[in-house]
Amino acid sequence: MMTIELFTALLGWSLVINIIVLLFSTLMVVLMRETISSIHARLFSLNKQDLGRAYFQYLAQYKIAILVLNLAPYIALKIIT
């Protein structure tokens, strides 16, 4: 049986892992933009301007998902316990 404390810990570690993945993805897009853009442009037949928009949209949506699915429930559980 999963207790509230165990579920809170699960959400906390999930939050940490997701933030690390977001930071790593952001660093890779910033530091290796040309390399990543050329690979993705060939794979998906997109121009580099569209890829920049796609990268930004991916990072923004991932950040929102982290806030809604990890941080908000974690804070709510911390408040009630």
N, C-alpha and C. Protein backbone atom coordinates (compact mmCIF):
# COMPACT_ATOMS: atom_id res chain seq x y z
N MET A 1 0.84 -1.18 0.00
CA MET A 1 0.00 0.00 0.00
C MET A 1 0.88 1.24 0.00
N MET A 2 0.52 2.21 -0.82
CA MET A 2 1.30 3.43 -0.91
C MET A 2 0.74 4.48 0.05
N THR A 3 1.58 4.96 0.92
CA THR A 3 1.17 5.99 1.87
C THR A 3 1.36 7.37 1.24
N ILE A 4 0.80 8.38 1.88
CA ILE A 4 0.95 9.75 1.38
C ILE A 4 2.41 10.16 1.42
N GLU A 5 3.13 9.76 2.44
CA GLU A 5 4.55 10.12 2.54
C GLU A 5 5.36 9.48 1.41
N LEU A 6 5.05 8.23 1.10
CA LEU A 6 5.75 7.55 0.01
C LEU A 6 5.44 8.20 -1.33
N PHE A 7 4.17 8.55 -1.54
CA PHE A 7 3.78 9.20 -2.79
C PHE A 7 4.40 10.58 -2.90
N THR A 8 4.51 11.30 -1.79
CA THR A 8 5.17 12.61 -1.79
C THR A 8 6.64 12.46 -2.16
N ALA A 9 7.29 11.46 -1.62
CA ALA A 9 8.70 11.22 -1.96
C ALA A 9 8.84 10.85 -3.43
N LEU A 10 7.92 10.04 -3.95
CA LEU A 10 7.94 9.67 -5.36
C LEU A 10 7.81 10.90 -6.25
N LEU A 11 6.86 11.77 -5.93
CA LEU A 11 6.70 13.00 -6.71
C LEU A 11 7.92 13.91 -6.60
N GLY A 12 8.52 13.96 -5.42
CA GLY A 12 9.72 14.79 -5.24
C GLY A 12 10.87 14.31 -6.11
N TRP A 13 11.13 13.01 -6.11
CA TRP A 13 12.21 12.48 -6.94
C TRP A 13 11.88 12.58 -8.42
N SER A 14 10.62 12.41 -8.76
CA SER A 14 10.20 12.59 -10.15
C SER A 14 10.43 14.03 -10.60
N LEU A 15 10.14 14.97 -9.72
CA LEU A 15 10.38 16.38 -10.00
C LEU A 15 11.86 16.65 -10.23
N VAL A 16 12.71 16.13 -9.38
CA VAL A 16 14.16 16.33 -9.52
C VAL A 16 14.66 15.75 -10.84
N ILE A 17 14.25 14.54 -11.17
CA ILE A 17 14.69 13.90 -12.41
C ILE A 17 14.21 14.68 -13.62
N ASN A 18 12.96 15.13 -13.61
CA ASN A 18 12.43 15.88 -14.74
C ASN A 18 13.11 17.24 -14.90
N ILE A 19 13.45 17.89 -13.81
CA ILE A 19 14.17 19.16 -13.91
C ILE A 19 15.57 18.94 -14.48
N ILE A 20 16.22 17.86 -14.09
CA ILE A 20 17.54 17.55 -14.64
C ILE A 20 17.44 17.29 -16.14
N VAL A 21 16.42 16.56 -16.57
CA VAL A 21 16.23 16.29 -18.01
C VAL A 21 15.96 17.60 -18.75
N LEU A 22 15.14 18.47 -18.17
CA LEU A 22 14.85 19.77 -18.80
C LEU A 22 16.11 20.61 -18.92
N LEU A 23 16.92 20.68 -17.87
CA LEU A 23 18.16 21.45 -17.92
C LEU A 23 19.14 20.88 -18.94
N PHE A 24 19.25 19.55 -18.98
CA PHE A 24 20.13 18.90 -19.95
C PHE A 24 19.66 19.19 -21.38
N SER A 25 18.36 19.08 -21.63
CA SER A 25 17.82 19.36 -22.96
C SER A 25 18.07 20.81 -23.35
N THR A 26 17.86 21.72 -22.42
CA THR A 26 18.09 23.14 -22.70
C THR A 26 19.55 23.41 -23.01
N LEU A 27 20.44 22.83 -22.22
CA LEU A 27 21.88 23.01 -22.48
C LEU A 27 22.29 22.46 -23.84
N MET A 28 21.77 21.31 -24.20
CA MET A 28 22.12 20.71 -25.49
C MET A 28 21.61 21.57 -26.64
N VAL A 29 20.40 22.11 -26.51
CA VAL A 29 19.86 22.96 -27.57
C VAL A 29 20.67 24.25 -27.67
N VAL A 30 21.07 24.81 -26.55
CA VAL A 30 21.83 26.07 -26.56
C VAL A 30 23.26 25.85 -27.05
N LEU A 31 23.93 24.84 -26.52
CA LEU A 31 25.34 24.64 -26.83
C LEU A 31 25.60 23.95 -28.17
N MET A 32 24.69 23.09 -28.59
CA MET A 32 24.91 22.31 -29.81
C MET A 32 23.83 22.58 -30.85
N ARG A 33 23.37 23.82 -30.92
CA ARG A 33 22.23 24.16 -31.78
C ARG A 33 22.48 23.83 -33.25
N GLU A 34 23.63 24.17 -33.78
CA GLU A 34 23.90 23.93 -35.19
C GLU A 34 23.94 22.44 -35.52
N THR A 35 24.61 21.68 -34.68
CA THR A 35 24.71 20.23 -34.91
C THR A 35 23.34 19.57 -34.83
N ILE A 36 22.60 19.90 -33.79
CA ILE A 36 21.27 19.32 -33.61
C ILE A 36 20.34 19.76 -34.74
N SER A 37 20.40 21.03 -35.11
CA SER A 37 19.54 21.53 -36.18
C SER A 37 19.81 20.84 -37.50
N SER A 38 21.08 20.63 -37.82
CA SER A 38 21.38 19.99 -39.10
C SER A 38 20.90 18.53 -39.12
N ILE A 39 21.06 17.84 -38.00
CA ILE A 39 20.58 16.45 -37.92
C ILE A 39 19.06 16.40 -38.05
N HIS A 40 18.36 17.23 -37.29
CA HIS A 40 16.90 17.21 -37.32
C HIS A 40 16.35 17.75 -38.64
N ALA A 41 17.04 18.69 -39.26
CA ALA A 41 16.59 19.20 -40.55
C ALA A 41 16.61 18.08 -41.60
N ARG A 42 17.65 17.26 -41.57
CA ARG A 42 17.71 16.14 -42.52
C ARG A 42 16.68 15.06 -42.17
N LEU A 43 16.50 14.79 -40.90
CA LEU A 43 15.57 13.73 -40.49
C LEU A 43 14.11 14.08 -40.80
N PHE A 44 13.71 15.31 -40.53
CA PHE A 44 12.31 15.68 -40.61
C PHE A 44 11.98 16.63 -41.76
N SER A 45 12.94 16.94 -42.62
CA SER A 45 12.74 17.82 -43.78
C SER A 45 12.15 19.17 -43.37
N LEU A 46 12.75 19.78 -42.36
CA LEU A 46 12.33 21.10 -41.90
C LEU A 46 13.48 22.08 -42.07
N ASN A 47 13.13 23.37 -42.22
CA ASN A 47 14.21 24.35 -42.26
C ASN A 47 14.60 24.73 -40.83
N LYS A 48 15.72 25.39 -40.69
CA LYS A 48 16.27 25.66 -39.35
C LYS A 48 15.43 26.64 -38.55
N GLN A 49 14.71 27.54 -39.22
CA GLN A 49 13.85 28.47 -38.48
C GLN A 49 12.68 27.74 -37.83
N ASP A 50 12.10 26.78 -38.56
CA ASP A 50 11.02 25.98 -37.98
C ASP A 50 11.52 25.12 -36.83
N LEU A 51 12.74 24.65 -36.93
CA LEU A 51 13.31 23.84 -35.85
C LEU A 51 13.52 24.66 -34.59
N GLY A 52 13.95 25.89 -34.73
CA GLY A 52 14.11 26.76 -33.56
C GLY A 52 12.79 26.94 -32.82
N ARG A 53 11.73 27.13 -33.58
CA ARG A 53 10.40 27.26 -32.98
C ARG A 53 9.98 25.94 -32.32
N ALA A 54 10.28 24.83 -32.97
CA ALA A 54 9.93 23.52 -32.42
C ALA A 54 10.69 23.24 -31.12
N TYR A 55 11.98 23.60 -31.08
CA TYR A 55 12.77 23.41 -29.86
C TYR A 55 12.19 24.23 -28.71
N PHE A 56 11.87 25.49 -29.00
CA PHE A 56 11.32 26.37 -27.97
C PHE A 56 9.98 25.84 -27.47
N GLN A 57 9.14 25.39 -28.40
CA GLN A 57 7.83 24.86 -28.03
C GLN A 57 7.97 23.60 -27.18
N TYR A 58 8.90 22.72 -27.55
CA TYR A 58 9.14 21.49 -26.78
C TYR A 58 9.57 21.83 -25.35
N LEU A 59 10.54 22.73 -25.21
CA LEU A 59 11.03 23.07 -23.88
C LEU A 59 9.95 23.74 -23.04
N ALA A 60 9.15 24.61 -23.66
CA ALA A 60 8.08 25.29 -22.94
C ALA A 60 7.00 24.31 -22.48
N GLN A 61 6.60 23.41 -23.36
CA GLN A 61 5.56 22.45 -23.00
C GLN A 61 6.06 21.46 -21.95
N TYR A 62 7.32 21.07 -22.03
CA TYR A 62 7.88 20.16 -21.04
C TYR A 62 7.93 20.83 -19.67
N LYS A 63 8.29 22.12 -19.66
CA LYS A 63 8.34 22.86 -18.39
C LYS A 63 6.94 22.97 -17.78
N ILE A 64 5.94 23.25 -18.60
CA ILE A 64 4.57 23.33 -18.10
C ILE A 64 4.11 21.98 -17.56
N ALA A 65 4.47 20.91 -18.25
CA ALA A 65 4.10 19.56 -17.79
C ALA A 65 4.75 19.25 -16.44
N ILE A 66 5.99 19.66 -16.27
CA ILE A 66 6.66 19.45 -14.98
C ILE A 66 5.94 20.22 -13.87
N LEU A 67 5.58 21.45 -14.15
CA LEU A 67 4.89 22.26 -13.14
C LEU A 67 3.53 21.68 -12.77
N VAL A 68 2.78 21.25 -13.77
CA VAL A 68 1.42 20.77 -13.53
C VAL A 68 1.40 19.35 -12.96
N LEU A 69 2.25 18.48 -13.48
CA LEU A 69 2.18 17.07 -13.12
C LEU A 69 3.10 16.66 -11.98
N ASN A 70 4.11 17.47 -11.67
CA ASN A 70 5.03 17.12 -10.59
C ASN A 70 5.03 18.13 -9.46
N LEU A 71 5.25 19.39 -9.78
CA LEU A 71 5.42 20.40 -8.73
C LEU A 71 4.13 20.70 -7.99
N ALA A 72 3.04 20.94 -8.71
CA ALA A 72 1.78 21.28 -8.05
C ALA A 72 1.28 20.16 -7.13
N PRO A 73 1.26 18.89 -7.58
CA PRO A 73 0.84 17.84 -6.64
C PRO A 73 1.81 17.67 -5.47
N TYR A 74 3.10 17.86 -5.72
CA TYR A 74 4.09 17.75 -4.64
C TYR A 74 3.83 18.80 -3.57
N ILE A 75 3.61 20.04 -3.99
CA ILE A 75 3.34 21.12 -3.03
C ILE A 75 2.03 20.86 -2.29
N ALA A 76 1.00 20.40 -3.02
CA ALA A 76 -0.28 20.11 -2.37
C ALA A 76 -0.13 19.03 -1.31
N LEU A 77 0.62 17.98 -1.62
CA LEU A 77 0.82 16.92 -0.63
C LEU A 77 1.65 17.39 0.55
N LYS A 78 2.63 18.26 0.30
CA LYS A 78 3.43 18.80 1.40
C LYS A 78 2.57 19.66 2.33
N ILE A 79 1.61 20.38 1.74
CA ILE A 79 0.74 21.24 2.55
C ILE A 79 -0.17 20.41 3.45
N ILE A 80 -0.71 19.31 2.92
CA ILE A 80 -1.68 18.55 3.71
C ILE A 80 -1.04 17.59 4.70
N THR A 81 0.28 17.36 4.58
CA THR A 81 0.92 16.45 5.55
C THR A 81 1.71 17.20 6.58
